Amino acid sequence: MSAPKTDMYKQENQQRGPMRGMVFVVGFALSLVSLMIWLSRNGSTPEGAETQIDGRTGAEAPAEGN
């Protein structure tokens, strides 16, 4: 059996708004992910200390910039 009264143009017009909303949400999510990646790659290292602590061993290490 087929569905009664299928009007493709009417269905297309009714689904246009929700489809735009889904595209907006996906675009917003992608922009947040790209922002997180950019922030993690461009993070700054601490500056100004004479000695710095090595995070792996806990030992003091001379600052690289000095």
N, C-alpha and C. Protein backbone atom coordinates (compact mmCIF):
# COMPACT_ATOMS: atom_id res chain seq x y z
N MET A 1 0.84 -1.18 0.00
CA MET A 1 0.00 0.00 0.00
C MET A 1 0.88 1.24 0.00
N SER A 2 0.43 2.24 -0.68
CA SER A 2 1.17 3.49 -0.71
C SER A 2 0.51 4.50 0.24
N ALA A 3 1.28 5.49 0.60
CA ALA A 3 0.77 6.51 1.51
C ALA A 3 -0.25 7.39 0.77
N PRO A 4 -1.35 7.73 1.41
CA PRO A 4 -2.35 8.57 0.75
C PRO A 4 -1.92 10.04 0.73
N LYS A 5 -2.29 10.73 -0.31
CA LYS A 5 -2.09 12.19 -0.44
C LYS A 5 -0.64 12.61 -0.18
N THR A 6 0.26 12.09 -0.97
CA THR A 6 1.66 12.51 -0.84
C THR A 6 1.88 13.71 -1.75
N ASP A 7 2.15 14.81 -1.15
CA ASP A 7 2.45 16.04 -1.88
C ASP A 7 3.90 16.41 -1.58
N MET A 8 4.79 16.09 -2.51
CA MET A 8 6.22 16.27 -2.29
C MET A 8 6.59 17.73 -2.06
N TYR A 9 5.95 18.65 -2.76
CA TYR A 9 6.28 20.07 -2.61
C TYR A 9 5.88 20.58 -1.22
N LYS A 10 4.76 20.12 -0.71
CA LYS A 10 4.31 20.53 0.61
C LYS A 10 5.25 19.96 1.68
N GLN A 11 5.65 18.70 1.53
CA GLN A 11 6.56 18.08 2.49
C GLN A 11 7.93 18.76 2.45
N GLU A 12 8.36 19.13 1.25
CA GLU A 12 9.65 19.81 1.12
C GLU A 12 9.62 21.15 1.85
N ASN A 13 8.56 21.89 1.72
CA ASN A 13 8.43 23.18 2.40
C ASN A 13 8.33 23.02 3.91
N GLN A 14 7.69 21.96 4.38
CA GLN A 14 7.54 21.74 5.81
C GLN A 14 8.86 21.31 6.45
N GLN A 15 9.73 20.68 5.70
CA GLN A 15 10.98 20.17 6.26
C GLN A 15 12.15 21.14 6.08
N ARG A 16 11.93 22.23 5.41
CA ARG A 16 13.02 23.18 5.15
C ARG A 16 13.54 23.81 6.44
N GLY A 17 12.68 24.21 7.35
CA GLY A 17 13.10 24.84 8.61
C GLY A 17 13.91 23.91 9.50
N PRO A 18 13.41 22.70 9.77
CA PRO A 18 14.20 21.79 10.59
C PRO A 18 15.55 21.42 9.97
N MET A 19 15.60 21.30 8.66
CA MET A 19 16.87 20.98 8.00
C MET A 19 17.86 22.12 8.18
N ARG A 20 17.41 23.36 8.06
CA ARG A 20 18.29 24.51 8.28
C ARG A 20 18.79 24.53 9.72
N GLY A 21 17.92 24.17 10.65
CA GLY A 21 18.32 24.11 12.05
C GLY A 21 19.40 23.07 12.29
N MET A 22 19.25 21.91 11.68
CA MET A 22 20.26 20.86 11.83
C MET A 22 21.60 21.27 11.22
N VAL A 23 21.55 21.92 10.07
CA VAL A 23 22.79 22.39 9.44
C VAL A 23 23.46 23.43 10.33
N PHE A 24 22.69 24.32 10.94
CA PHE A 24 23.24 25.32 11.84
C PHE A 24 23.90 24.67 13.06
N VAL A 25 23.26 23.68 13.64
CA VAL A 25 23.81 23.01 14.82
C VAL A 25 25.11 22.28 14.48
N VAL A 26 25.15 21.61 13.35
CA VAL A 26 26.37 20.92 12.94
C VAL A 26 27.49 21.93 12.67
N GLY A 27 27.17 23.03 12.02
CA GLY A 27 28.18 24.07 11.78
C GLY A 27 28.70 24.68 13.07
N PHE A 28 27.81 24.91 14.03
CA PHE A 28 28.21 25.46 15.32
C PHE A 28 29.12 24.48 16.06
N ALA A 29 28.78 23.20 16.03
CA ALA A 29 29.60 22.19 16.69
C ALA A 29 30.99 22.10 16.04
N LEU A 30 31.05 22.17 14.73
CA LEU A 30 32.34 22.13 14.04
C LEU A 30 33.18 23.35 14.38
N SER A 31 32.54 24.52 14.51
CA SER A 31 33.29 25.71 14.87
C SER A 31 33.83 25.61 16.30
N LEU A 32 33.06 25.01 17.21
CA LEU A 32 33.56 24.82 18.58
C LEU A 32 34.73 23.84 18.62
N VAL A 33 34.65 22.78 17.85
CA VAL A 33 35.74 21.80 17.80
C VAL A 33 36.99 22.45 17.22
N SER A 34 36.84 23.23 16.15
CA SER A 34 38.00 23.89 15.56
C SER A 34 38.58 24.92 16.52
N LEU A 35 37.76 25.60 17.29
CA LEU A 35 38.25 26.54 18.29
C LEU A 35 39.05 25.81 19.37
N MET A 36 38.56 24.68 19.82
CA MET A 36 39.28 23.91 20.83
C MET A 36 40.63 23.42 20.31
N ILE A 37 40.68 22.98 19.06
CA ILE A 37 41.93 22.53 18.47
C ILE A 37 42.90 23.69 18.34
N TRP A 38 42.42 24.84 17.88
CA TRP A 38 43.28 26.02 17.72
C TRP A 38 43.83 26.47 19.07
N LEU A 39 42.99 26.49 20.10
CA LEU A 39 43.45 26.91 21.42
C LEU A 39 44.46 25.94 22.00
N SER A 40 44.28 24.66 21.77
CA SER A 40 45.23 23.68 22.32
C SER A 40 46.57 23.75 21.59
N ARG A 41 46.57 24.05 20.32
CA ARG A 41 47.83 24.14 19.57
C ARG A 41 48.57 25.44 19.82
N ASN A 42 47.86 26.52 20.11
CA ASN A 42 48.48 27.82 20.29
C ASN A 42 48.59 28.21 21.76
N GLY A 43 48.58 27.24 22.63
CA GLY A 43 48.70 27.52 24.05
C GLY A 43 50.08 28.07 24.37
N SER A 44 50.17 28.88 25.39
CA SER A 44 51.46 29.46 25.75
C SER A 44 52.09 28.67 26.87
N THR A 45 53.41 28.72 26.93
CA THR A 45 54.15 28.08 28.00
C THR A 45 54.43 29.12 29.08
N PRO A 46 54.56 28.71 30.32
CA PRO A 46 54.85 29.66 31.38
C PRO A 46 56.20 30.33 31.18
N GLU A 47 56.27 31.61 31.43
CA GLU A 47 57.51 32.36 31.25
C GLU A 47 57.85 33.11 32.52
N GLY A 48 59.11 33.46 32.65
CA GLY A 48 59.52 34.32 33.72
C GLY A 48 60.16 33.62 34.90
N ALA A 49 60.15 32.32 34.97
CA ALA A 49 60.76 31.63 36.10
C ALA A 49 62.21 31.29 35.77
N GLU A 50 63.08 31.39 36.77
CA GLU A 50 64.49 31.03 36.58
C GLU A 50 64.62 29.53 36.35
N THR A 51 63.91 28.75 37.14
CA THR A 51 63.91 27.30 36.96
C THR A 51 62.46 26.84 36.79
N GLN A 52 62.32 25.79 36.06
CA GLN A 52 60.99 25.23 35.84
C GLN A 52 61.01 23.78 36.27
N ILE A 53 59.83 23.28 36.66
CA ILE A 53 59.70 21.91 37.13
C ILE A 53 59.31 21.02 35.96
N ASP A 54 60.07 19.94 35.78
CA ASP A 54 59.76 18.96 34.75
C ASP A 54 58.54 18.17 35.20
N GLY A 55 57.47 18.19 34.39
CA GLY A 55 56.21 17.54 34.76
C GLY A 55 56.30 16.04 34.83
N ARG A 56 57.24 15.43 34.15
CA ARG A 56 57.35 13.97 34.14
C ARG A 56 58.07 13.46 35.38
N THR A 57 59.15 14.16 35.78
CA THR A 57 59.96 13.65 36.89
C THR A 57 59.80 14.44 38.17
N GLY A 58 59.42 15.71 38.08
CA GLY A 58 59.30 16.57 39.25
C GLY A 58 60.60 17.24 39.61
N ALA A 59 61.64 17.04 38.80
CA ALA A 59 62.95 17.65 39.05
C ALA A 59 62.99 19.05 38.47
N GLU A 60 63.88 19.87 39.06
CA GLU A 60 64.06 21.22 38.54
C GLU A 60 64.87 21.18 37.27
N ALA A 61 64.48 22.01 36.31
CA ALA A 61 65.19 22.09 35.04
C ALA A 61 65.41 23.55 34.72
N PRO A 62 66.56 23.90 34.11
CA PRO A 62 66.76 25.31 33.76
C PRO A 62 65.76 25.74 32.70
N ALA A 63 65.43 27.03 32.74
CA ALA A 63 64.48 27.56 31.75
C ALA A 63 65.11 27.50 30.37
N GLU A 64 64.33 27.18 29.37
CA GLU A 64 64.85 27.02 28.01
C GLU A 64 65.23 28.33 27.37
N GLY A 65 64.53 29.41 27.70
CA GLY A 65 64.79 30.70 27.06
C GLY A 65 65.99 31.43 27.61
N ASN A 66 66.57 30.99 28.72
CA ASN A 66 67.68 31.73 29.35
C ASN A 66 69.00 31.18 28.97
